[in-house]
Amino acid sequence: MDITLTGVEVSPDLHEGVIFVAVLGDAAAAERKLKWLRKHQQDLRFELGRTIVLKHMPKFTFKLDLTTDRGNRILGLLDDLAQKEGTPPPPAEGKEPQA
């Protein structure tokens, strides 16, 4: 389904939780997948409650995490700038520069 959970924030009393998700695809696909998550919220809480013992199972709110999109946009802009200046972009993390 191309959904990645990127973060969770839970209130101190465990009554509410915000789940941040990243979704592959365009804005329409992201909205469809968020709608699906919201529709199946109770089922997800039930399954989570079967594996995690908590005094209160939080009520979930799903929010779209746009940090990956922003990061990719910034990297693209930096690549474009480096290309215009005629300098190669820095190597991606974990990759050796090619000679």
PDB file of N, CA and C in Angstrom:
ATOM      1  N   MET A   1       0.813  -1.192   0.000  1.00  0.00           N
ATOM      2  CA  MET A   1       0.000   0.000   0.000  1.00  0.00           C
ATOM      3  C   MET A   1       0.864   1.267   0.000  1.00  0.00           C
ATOM      4  N   ASP A   2       2.187   1.151   0.102  1.00  0.00           N
ATOM      5  CA  ASP A   2       3.107   2.283  -0.014  1.00  0.00           C
ATOM      6  C   ASP A   2       2.886   3.355   1.035  1.00  0.00           C
ATOM      7  N   ILE A   3       2.683   2.932   2.277  1.00  0.00           N
ATOM      8  CA  ILE A   3       2.550   3.866   3.391  1.00  0.00           C
ATOM      9  C   ILE A   3       3.692   3.578   4.357  1.00  0.00           C
ATOM     10  N   THR A   4       4.375   4.630   4.784  1.00  0.00           N
ATOM     11  CA  THR A   4       5.450   4.490   5.763  1.00  0.00           C
ATOM     12  C   THR A   4       5.111   5.323   6.983  1.00  0.00           C
ATOM     13  N   LEU A   5       5.158   4.698   8.150  1.00  0.00           N
ATOM     14  CA  LEU A   5       4.961   5.438   9.385  1.00  0.00           C
ATOM     15  C   LEU A   5       6.282   6.110   9.717  1.00  0.00           C
ATOM     16  N   THR A   6       6.277   7.429   9.817  1.00  0.00           N
ATOM     17  CA  THR A   6       7.522   8.164  10.035  1.00  0.00           C
ATOM     18  C   THR A   6       7.658   8.696  11.448  1.00  0.00           C
ATOM     19  N   GLY A   7       6.590   8.713  12.211  1.00  0.00           N
ATOM     20  CA  GLY A   7       6.675   9.202  13.575  1.00  0.00           C
ATOM     21  C   GLY A   7       5.360   9.065  14.299  1.00  0.00           C
ATOM     22  N   VAL A   8       5.465   9.066  15.634  1.00  0.00           N
ATOM     23  CA  VAL A   8       4.272   8.968  16.471  1.00  0.00           C
ATOM     24  C   VAL A   8       4.469   9.903  17.665  1.00  0.00           C
ATOM     25  N   GLU A   9       3.451  10.671  17.970  1.00  0.00           N
ATOM     26  CA  GLU A   9       3.436  11.501  19.170  1.00  0.00           C
ATOM     27  C   GLU A   9       2.203  11.106  19.974  1.00  0.00           C
ATOM     28  N   VAL A  10       2.425  10.791  21.249  1.00  0.00           N
ATOM     29  CA  VAL A  10       1.328  10.358  22.110  1.00  0.00           C
ATOM     30  C   VAL A  10       1.237  11.314  23.290  1.00  0.00           C
ATOM     31  N   SER A  11       0.010  11.675  23.642  1.00  0.00           N
ATOM     32  CA  SER A  11      -0.191  12.563  24.791  1.00  0.00           C
ATOM     33  C   SER A  11       0.237  11.826  26.065  1.00  0.00           C
ATOM     34  N   PRO A  12       0.649  12.567  27.093  1.00  0.00           N
ATOM     35  CA  PRO A  12       1.097  11.929  28.334  1.00  0.00           C
ATOM     36  C   PRO A  12       0.052  11.014  28.987  1.00  0.00           C
ATOM     37  N   ASP A  13      -1.221  11.332  28.804  1.00  0.00           N
ATOM     38  CA  ASP A  13      -2.263  10.493  29.407  1.00  0.00           C
ATOM     39  C   ASP A  13      -2.664   9.315  28.508  1.00  0.00           C
ATOM     40  N   LEU A  14      -2.014   9.175  27.358  1.00  0.00           N
ATOM     41  CA  LEU A  14      -2.243   8.078  26.398  1.00  0.00           C
ATOM     42  C   LEU A  14      -3.637   8.068  25.788  1.00  0.00           C
ATOM     43  N   HIS A  15      -4.340   9.177  25.828  1.00  0.00           N
ATOM     44  CA  HIS A  15      -5.686   9.213  25.246  1.00  0.00           C
ATOM     45  C   HIS A  15      -5.678   9.578  23.765  1.00  0.00           C
ATOM     46  N   GLU A  16      -4.644  10.288  23.329  1.00  0.00           N
ATOM     47  CA  GLU A  16      -4.580  10.709  21.928  1.00  0.00           C
ATOM     48  C   GLU A  16      -3.188  10.468  21.378  1.00  0.00           C
ATOM     49  N   GLY A  17      -3.141  10.140  20.108  1.00  0.00           N
ATOM     50  CA  GLY A  17      -1.867   9.955  19.430  1.00  0.00           C
ATOM     51  C   GLY A  17      -1.939  10.459  18.004  1.00  0.00           C
ATOM     52  N   VAL A  18      -0.855  11.053  17.561  1.00  0.00           N
ATOM     53  CA  VAL A  18      -0.755  11.512  16.176  1.00  0.00           C
ATOM     54  C   VAL A  18       0.255  10.607  15.488  1.00  0.00           C
ATOM     55  N   ILE A  19      -0.148  10.018  14.385  1.00  0.00           N
ATOM     56  CA  ILE A  19       0.727   9.156  13.605  1.00  0.00           C
ATOM     57  C   ILE A  19       1.037   9.871  12.301  1.00  0.00           C
ATOM     58  N   PHE A  20       2.319  10.102  12.066  1.00  0.00           N
ATOM     59  CA  PHE A  20       2.758  10.764  10.849  1.00  0.00           C
ATOM     60  C   PHE A  20       3.084   9.705   9.814  1.00  0.00           C
ATOM     61  N   VAL A  21       2.558   9.880   8.613  1.00  0.00           N
ATOM     62  CA  VAL A  21       2.766   8.903   7.548  1.00  0.00           C
ATOM     63  C   VAL A  21       3.293   9.589   6.294  1.00  0.00           C
ATOM     64  N   ALA A  22       4.154   8.883   5.593  1.00  0.00           N
ATOM     65  CA  ALA A  22       4.614   9.313   4.275  1.00  0.00           C
ATOM     66  C   ALA A  22       3.979   8.358   3.271  1.00  0.00           C
ATOM     67  N   VAL A  23       3.513   8.902   2.173  1.00  0.00           N
ATOM     68  CA  VAL A  23       2.795   8.121   1.179  1.00  0.00           C
ATOM     69  C   VAL A  23       3.455   8.325  -0.179  1.00  0.00           C
ATOM     70  N   LEU A  24       3.720   7.227  -0.877  1.00  0.00           N
ATOM     71  CA  LEU A  24       4.243   7.328  -2.231  1.00  0.00           C
ATOM     72  C   LEU A  24       3.117   7.695  -3.187  1.00  0.00           C
ATOM     73  N   GLY A  25       3.417   8.570  -4.118  1.00  0.00           N
ATOM     74  CA  GLY A  25       2.419   8.953  -5.110  1.00  0.00           C
ATOM     75  C   GLY A  25       2.109  10.437  -5.031  1.00  0.00           C
ATOM     76  N   ASP A  26       1.133  10.833  -5.819  1.00  0.00           N
ATOM     77  CA  ASP A  26       0.759  12.245  -5.878  1.00  0.00           C
ATOM     78  C   ASP A  26      -0.184  12.597  -4.725  1.00  0.00           C
ATOM     79  N   ALA A  27      -0.618  13.835  -4.688  1.00  0.00           N
ATOM     80  CA  ALA A  27      -1.474  14.320  -3.597  1.00  0.00           C
ATOM     81  C   ALA A  27      -2.801  13.560  -3.539  1.00  0.00           C
ATOM     82  N   ALA A  28      -3.346  13.214  -4.689  1.00  0.00           N
ATOM     83  CA  ALA A  28      -4.621  12.474  -4.703  1.00  0.00           C
ATOM     84  C   ALA A  28      -4.444  11.082  -4.098  1.00  0.00           C
ATOM     85  N   ALA A  29      -3.335  10.423  -4.424  1.00  0.00           N
ATOM     86  CA  ALA A  29      -3.063   9.095  -3.864  1.00  0.00           C
ATOM     87  C   ALA A  29      -2.848   9.190  -2.359  1.00  0.00           C
ATOM     88  N   ALA A  30      -2.138  10.225  -1.925  1.00  0.00           N
ATOM     89  CA  ALA A  30      -1.902  10.416  -0.496  1.00  0.00           C
ATOM     90  C   ALA A  30      -3.221  10.609   0.243  1.00  0.00           C
ATOM     91  N   GLU A  31      -4.116  11.397  -0.322  1.00  0.00           N
ATOM     92  CA  GLU A  31      -5.410  11.635   0.326  1.00  0.00           C
ATOM     93  C   GLU A  31      -6.238  10.356   0.390  1.00  0.00           C
ATOM     94  N   ARG A  32      -6.203   9.551  -0.682  1.00  0.00           N
ATOM     95  CA  ARG A  32      -6.932   8.272  -0.676  1.00  0.00           C
ATOM     96  C   ARG A  32      -6.401   7.351   0.416  1.00  0.00           C
ATOM     97  N   LYS A  33      -5.093   7.297   0.574  1.00  0.00           N
ATOM     98  CA  LYS A  33      -4.504   6.403   1.571  1.00  0.00           C
ATOM     99  C   LYS A  33      -4.753   6.913   2.991  1.00  0.00           C
ATOM    100  N   LEU A  34      -4.726   8.227   3.182  1.00  0.00           N
ATOM    101  CA  LEU A  34      -5.076   8.777   4.485  1.00  0.00           C
ATOM    102  C   LEU A  34      -6.543   8.479   4.815  1.00  0.00           C
ATOM    103  N   LYS A  35      -7.410   8.586   3.825  1.00  0.00           N
ATOM    104  CA  LYS A  35      -8.825   8.280   4.018  1.00  0.00           C
ATOM    105  C   LYS A  35      -8.996   6.814   4.422  1.00  0.00           C
ATOM    106  N   TRP A  36      -8.230   5.930   3.786  1.00  0.00           N
ATOM    107  CA  TRP A  36      -8.283   4.498   4.119  1.00  0.00           C
ATOM    108  C   TRP A  36      -7.833   4.277   5.557  1.00  0.00           C
ATOM    109  N   LEU A  37      -6.730   4.924   5.964  1.00  0.00           N
ATOM    110  CA  LEU A  37      -6.249   4.785   7.337  1.00  0.00           C
ATOM    111  C   LEU A  37      -7.292   5.270   8.337  1.00  0.00           C
ATOM    112  N   ARG A  38      -7.905   6.397   8.042  1.00  0.00           N
ATOM    113  CA  ARG A  38      -8.920   6.942   8.949  1.00  0.00           C
ATOM    114  C   ARG A  38     -10.140   6.025   9.036  1.00  0.00           C
ATOM    115  N   LYS A  39     -10.509   5.437   7.914  1.00  0.00           N
ATOM    116  CA  LYS A  39     -11.655   4.529   7.879  1.00  0.00           C
ATOM    117  C   LYS A  39     -11.389   3.282   8.716  1.00  0.00           C
ATOM    118  N   HIS A  40     -10.145   2.801   8.700  1.00  0.00           N
ATOM    119  CA  HIS A  40      -9.787   1.566   9.406  1.00  0.00           C
ATOM    120  C   HIS A  40      -9.118   1.824  10.755  1.00  0.00           C
ATOM    121  N   GLN A  41      -9.277   3.024  11.281  1.00  0.00           N
ATOM    122  CA  GLN A  41      -8.647   3.394  12.548  1.00  0.00           C
ATOM    123  C   GLN A  41      -9.017   2.431  13.678  1.00  0.00           C
ATOM    124  N   GLN A  42     -10.289   2.103  13.812  1.00  0.00           N
ATOM    125  CA  GLN A  42     -10.720   1.226  14.909  1.00  0.00           C
ATOM    126  C   GLN A  42     -10.117  -0.166  14.775  1.00  0.00           C
ATOM    127  N   ASP A  43     -10.055  -0.694  13.555  1.00  0.00           N
ATOM    128  CA  ASP A  43      -9.443  -2.008  13.337  1.00  0.00           C
ATOM    129  C   ASP A  43      -7.962  -1.987  13.699  1.00  0.00           C
ATOM    130  N   LEU A  44      -7.283  -0.900  13.328  1.00  0.00           N
ATOM    131  CA  LEU A  44      -5.859  -0.781  13.646  1.00  0.00           C
ATOM    132  C   LEU A  44      -5.646  -0.676  15.157  1.00  0.00           C
ATOM    133  N   ARG A  45      -6.492   0.086  15.841  1.00  0.00           N
ATOM    134  CA  ARG A  45      -6.395   0.188  17.303  1.00  0.00           C
ATOM    135  C   ARG A  45      -6.631  -1.165  17.952  1.00  0.00           C
ATOM    136  N   PHE A  46      -7.595  -1.914  17.441  1.00  0.00           N
ATOM    137  CA  PHE A  46      -7.898  -3.234  17.998  1.00  0.00           C
ATOM    138  C   PHE A  46      -6.695  -4.161  17.845  1.00  0.00           C
ATOM    139  N   GLU A  47      -6.122  -4.208  16.650  1.00  0.00           N
ATOM    140  CA  GLU A  47      -4.970  -5.093  16.415  1.00  0.00           C
ATOM    141  C   GLU A  47      -3.772  -4.674  17.251  1.00  0.00           C
ATOM    142  N   LEU A  48      -3.545  -3.382  17.372  1.00  0.00           N
ATOM    143  CA  LEU A  48      -2.446  -2.893  18.192  1.00  0.00           C
ATOM    144  C   LEU A  48      -2.686  -3.231  19.663  1.00  0.00           C
ATOM    145  N   GLY A  49      -3.913  -3.118  20.102  1.00  0.00           N
ATOM    146  CA  GLY A  49      -4.267  -3.449  21.481  1.00  0.00           C
ATOM    147  C   GLY A  49      -4.083  -4.916  21.803  1.00  0.00           C
ATOM    148  N   ARG A  50      -4.130  -5.772  20.809  1.00  0.00           N
ATOM    149  CA  ARG A  50      -3.908  -7.207  21.031  1.00  0.00           C
ATOM    150  C   ARG A  50      -2.444  -7.514  21.279  1.00  0.00           C
ATOM    151  N   THR A  51      -1.547  -6.661  20.791  1.00  0.00           N
ATOM    152  CA  THR A  51      -0.116  -6.936  20.930  1.00  0.00           C
ATOM    153  C   THR A  51       0.575  -6.052  21.965  1.00  0.00           C
ATOM    154  N   ILE A  52       0.010  -4.878  22.250  1.00  0.00           N
ATOM    155  CA  ILE A  52       0.598  -3.965  23.220  1.00  0.00           C
ATOM    156  C   ILE A  52      -0.399  -3.751  24.351  1.00  0.00           C
ATOM    157  N   VAL A  53       0.063  -3.981  25.577  1.00  0.00           N
ATOM    158  CA  VAL A  53      -0.813  -3.807  26.727  1.00  0.00           C
ATOM    159  C   VAL A  53      -0.606  -2.406  27.288  1.00  0.00           C
ATOM    160  N   LEU A  54      -1.634  -1.592  27.173  1.00  0.00           N
ATOM    161  CA  LEU A  54      -1.629  -0.232  27.705  1.00  0.00           C
ATOM    162  C   LEU A  54      -2.900  -0.010  28.505  1.00  0.00           C
ATOM    163  N   LYS A  55      -2.816   0.881  29.475  1.00  0.00           N
ATOM    164  CA  LYS A  55      -4.011   1.213  30.243  1.00  0.00           C
ATOM    165  C   LYS A  55      -5.065   1.838  29.340  1.00  0.00           C
ATOM    166  N   HIS A  56      -4.622   2.740  28.447  1.00  0.00           N
ATOM    167  CA  HIS A  56      -5.509   3.369  27.471  1.00  0.00           C
ATOM    168  C   HIS A  56      -4.873   3.235  26.095  1.00  0.00           C
ATOM    169  N   MET A  57      -5.643   2.759  25.143  1.00  0.00           N
ATOM    170  CA  MET A  57      -5.163   2.742  23.760  1.00  0.00           C
ATOM    171  C   MET A  57      -5.529   4.093  23.155  1.00  0.00           C
ATOM    172  N   PRO A  58      -4.542   4.845  22.685  1.00  0.00           N
ATOM    173  CA  PRO A  58      -4.822   6.193  22.178  1.00  0.00           C
ATOM    174  C   PRO A  58      -5.762   6.194  20.980  1.00  0.00           C
ATOM    175  N   LYS A  59      -6.508   7.273  20.864  1.00  0.00           N
ATOM    176  CA  LYS A  59      -7.288   7.524  19.654  1.00  0.00           C
ATOM    177  C   LYS A  59      -6.316   8.146  18.656  1.00  0.00           C
ATOM    178  N   PHE A  60      -6.214   7.560  17.490  1.00  0.00           N
ATOM    179  CA  PHE A  60      -5.227   7.987  16.506  1.00  0.00           C
ATOM    180  C   PHE A  60      -5.752   9.084  15.598  1.00  0.00           C
ATOM    181  N   THR A  61      -4.859   9.984  15.258  1.00  0.00           N
ATOM    182  CA  THR A  61      -5.073  10.961  14.212  1.00  0.00           C
ATOM    183  C   THR A  61      -3.929  10.767  13.223  1.00  0.00           C
ATOM    184  N   PHE A  62      -4.243  10.619  11.967  1.00  0.00           N
ATOM    185  CA  PHE A  62      -3.213  10.421  10.948  1.00  0.00           C
ATOM    186  C   PHE A  62      -2.937  11.734  10.234  1.00  0.00           C
ATOM    187  N   LYS A  63      -1.649  12.072  10.144  1.00  0.00           N
ATOM    188  CA  LYS A  63      -1.252  13.292   9.445  1.00  0.00           C
ATOM    189  C   LYS A  63      -0.183  12.950   8.427  1.00  0.00           C
ATOM    190  N   LEU A  64      -0.258  13.617   7.305  1.00  0.00           N
ATOM    191  CA  LEU A  64       0.705  13.407   6.235  1.00  0.00           C
ATOM    192  C   LEU A  64       2.021  14.079   6.597  1.00  0.00           C
ATOM    193  N   ASP A  65       3.109  13.321   6.520  1.00  0.00           N
ATOM    194  CA  ASP A  65       4.449  13.843   6.804  1.00  0.00           C
ATOM    195  C   ASP A  65       5.077  14.272   5.481  1.00  0.00           C
ATOM    196  N   LEU A  66       5.279  15.558   5.329  1.00  0.00           N
ATOM    197  CA  LEU A  66       5.803  16.107   4.076  1.00  0.00           C
ATOM    198  C   LEU A  66       7.306  16.356   4.118  1.00  0.00           C
ATOM    199  N   THR A  67       7.982  15.953   5.183  1.00  0.00           N
ATOM    200  CA  THR A  67       9.415  16.250   5.288  1.00  0.00           C
ATOM    201  C   THR A  67      10.227  15.548   4.204  1.00  0.00           C
ATOM    202  N   THR A  68       9.844  14.354   3.820  1.00  0.00           N
ATOM    203  CA  THR A  68      10.572  13.648   2.758  1.00  0.00           C
ATOM    204  C   THR A  68      10.419  14.383   1.440  1.00  0.00           C
ATOM    205  N   ASP A  69       9.211  14.835   1.136  1.00  0.00           N
ATOM    206  CA  ASP A  69       8.984  15.593  -0.099  1.00  0.00           C
ATOM    207  C   ASP A  69       9.798  16.882  -0.106  1.00  0.00           C
ATOM    208  N   ARG A  70       9.800  17.568   1.030  1.00  0.00           N
ATOM    209  CA  ARG A  70      10.574  18.809   1.119  1.00  0.00           C
ATOM    210  C   ARG A  70      12.056  18.540   0.938  1.00  0.00           C
ATOM    211  N   GLY A  71      12.549  17.490   1.582  1.00  0.00           N
ATOM    212  CA  GLY A  71      13.962  17.133   1.458  1.00  0.00           C
ATOM    213  C   GLY A  71      14.333  16.787   0.028  1.00  0.00           C
ATOM    214  N   ASN A  72      13.484  16.019  -0.642  1.00  0.00           N
ATOM    215  CA  ASN A  72      13.743  15.667  -2.042  1.00  0.00           C
ATOM    216  C   ASN A  72      13.721  16.894  -2.937  1.00  0.00           C
ATOM    217  N   ARG A  73      12.817  17.828  -2.647  1.00  0.00           N
ATOM    218  CA  ARG A  73      12.742  19.066  -3.435  1.00  0.00           C
ATOM    219  C   ARG A  73      14.015  19.887  -3.248  1.00  0.00           C
ATOM    220  N   ILE A  74      14.486  20.001  -2.026  1.00  0.00           N
ATOM    221  CA  ILE A  74      15.717  20.755  -1.759  1.00  0.00           C
ATOM    222  C   ILE A  74      16.903  20.097  -2.435  1.00  0.00           C
ATOM    223  N   LEU A  75      17.005  18.773  -2.354  1.00  0.00           N
ATOM    224  CA  LEU A  75      18.106  18.069  -3.027  1.00  0.00           C
ATOM    225  C   LEU A  75      18.062  18.292  -4.539  1.00  0.00           C
ATOM    226  N   GLY A  76      16.852  18.279  -5.101  1.00  0.00           N
ATOM    227  CA  GLY A  76      16.713  18.540  -6.535  1.00  0.00           C
ATOM    228  C   GLY A  76      17.172  19.944  -6.899  1.00  0.00           C
ATOM    229  N   LEU A  77      16.794  20.924  -6.073  1.00  0.00           N
ATOM    230  CA  LEU A  77      17.219  22.303  -6.321  1.00  0.00           C
ATOM    231  C   LEU A  77      18.742  22.431  -6.222  1.00  0.00           C
ATOM    232  N   LEU A  78      19.345  21.766  -5.249  1.00  0.00           N
ATOM    233  CA  LEU A  78      20.804  21.802  -5.114  1.00  0.00           C
ATOM    234  C   LEU A  78      21.487  21.142  -6.307  1.00  0.00           C
ATOM    235  N   ASP A  79      20.932  20.037  -6.781  1.00  0.00           N
ATOM    236  CA  ASP A  79      21.481  19.381  -7.972  1.00  0.00           C
ATOM    237  C   ASP A  79      21.388  20.291  -9.191  1.00  0.00           C
ATOM    238  N   ASP A  80      20.234  20.967  -9.353  1.00  0.00           N
ATOM    239  CA  ASP A  80      20.062  21.890 -10.477  1.00  0.00           C
ATOM    240  C   ASP A  80      21.059  23.041 -10.399  1.00  0.00           C
ATOM    241  N   LEU A  81      21.239  23.573  -9.205  1.00  0.00           N
ATOM    242  CA  LEU A  81      22.183  24.662  -9.013  1.00  0.00           C
ATOM    243  C   LEU A  81      23.611  24.227  -9.324  1.00  0.00           C
ATOM    244  N   ALA A  82      23.984  23.047  -8.858  1.00  0.00           N
ATOM    245  CA  ALA A  82      25.334  22.526  -9.127  1.00  0.00           C
ATOM    246  C   ALA A  82      25.529  22.295 -10.621  1.00  0.00           C
ATOM    247  N   GLN A  83      24.491  21.824 -11.300  1.00  0.00           N
ATOM    248  CA  GLN A  83      24.582  21.576 -12.736  1.00  0.00           C
ATOM    249  C   GLN A  83      24.736  22.893 -13.487  1.00  0.00           C
ATOM    250  N   LYS A  84      24.027  23.922 -13.077  1.00  0.00           N
ATOM    251  CA  LYS A  84      24.135  25.228 -13.736  1.00  0.00           C
ATOM    252  C   LYS A  84      25.517  25.835 -13.532  1.00  0.00           C
ATOM    253  N   GLU A  85      26.113  25.590 -12.369  1.00  0.00           N
ATOM    254  CA  GLU A  85      27.433  26.127 -12.078  1.00  0.00           C
ATOM    255  C   GLU A  85      28.545  25.264 -12.670  1.00  0.00           C
ATOM    256  N   GLY A  86      28.195  24.102 -13.163  1.00  0.00           N
ATOM    257  CA  GLY A  86      29.179  23.221 -13.780  1.00  0.00           C
ATOM    258  C   GLY A  86      29.968  22.389 -12.786  1.00  0.00           C
ATOM    259  N   THR A  87      29.514  22.324 -11.549  1.00  0.00           N
ATOM    260  CA  THR A  87      30.191  21.494 -10.558  1.00  0.00           C
ATOM    261  C   THR A  87      29.342  20.271 -10.285  1.00  0.00           C
ATOM    262  N   PRO A  88      29.995  19.140 -10.070  1.00  0.00           N
ATOM    263  CA  PRO A  88      29.211  17.939  -9.791  1.00  0.00           C
ATOM    264  C   PRO A  88      28.572  18.039  -8.404  1.00  0.00           C
ATOM    265  N   PRO A  89      27.389  17.496  -8.259  1.00  0.00           N
ATOM    266  CA  PRO A  89      26.742  17.515  -6.943  1.00  0.00           C
ATOM    267  C   PRO A  89      27.529  16.638  -5.976  1.00  0.00           C
ATOM    268  N   PRO A  90      27.436  16.892  -4.682  1.00  0.00           N
ATOM    269  CA  PRO A  90      28.129  16.050  -3.721  1.00  0.00           C
ATOM    270  C   PRO A  90      27.588  14.632  -3.791  1.00  0.00           C
ATOM    271  N   PRO A  91      28.447  13.645  -3.506  1.00  0.00           N
ATOM    272  CA  PRO A  91      27.963  12.244  -3.549  1.00  0.00           C
ATOM    273  C   PRO A  91      26.927  11.999  -2.488  1.00  0.00           C
ATOM    274  N   ALA A  92      26.018  11.099  -2.808  1.00  0.00           N
ATOM    275  CA  ALA A  92      24.989  10.728  -1.832  1.00  0.00           C
ATOM    276  C   ALA A  92      25.676  10.033  -0.669  1.00  0.00           C
ATOM    277  N   GLU A  93      25.049  10.123   0.495  1.00  0.00           N
ATOM    278  CA  GLU A  93      25.633   9.543   1.689  1.00  0.00           C
ATOM    279  C   GLU A  93      25.860   8.053   1.501  1.00  0.00           C
ATOM    280  N   GLY A  94      27.052   7.607   1.847  1.00  0.00           N
ATOM    281  CA  GLY A  94      27.372   6.180   1.738  1.00  0.00           C
ATOM    282  C   GLY A  94      27.916   5.769   0.388  1.00  0.00           C
ATOM    283  N   LYS A  95      28.026   6.700  -0.553  1.00  0.00           N
ATOM    284  CA  LYS A  95      28.554   6.370  -1.877  1.00  0.00           C
ATOM    285  C   LYS A  95      29.905   7.041  -2.048  1.00  0.00           C
ATOM    286  N   GLU A  96      30.797   6.347  -2.697  1.00  0.00           N
ATOM    287  CA  GLU A  96      32.129   6.878  -2.981  1.00  0.00           C
ATOM    288  C   GLU A  96      32.073   7.754  -4.223  1.00  0.00           C
ATOM    289  N   PRO A  97      32.808   8.869  -4.227  1.00  0.00           N
ATOM    290  CA  PRO A  97      32.851   9.690  -5.452  1.00  0.00           C
ATOM    291  C   PRO A  97      33.555   8.929  -6.564  1.00  0.00           C
ATOM    292  N   GLN A  98      33.048   9.108  -7.773  1.00  0.00           N
ATOM    293  CA  GLN A  98      33.641   8.427  -8.928  1.00  0.00           C
ATOM    294  C   GLN A  98      34.719   9.296  -9.533  1.00  0.00           C
ATOM    295  N   ALA A  99      35.836   8.641  -9.918  1.00  0.00           N
ATOM    296  CA  ALA A  99      36.968   9.371 -10.511  1.00  0.00           C
ATOM    297  C   ALA A  99      36.816   9.478 -11.999  1.00  0.00           C
TER     298      ALA A  99
END
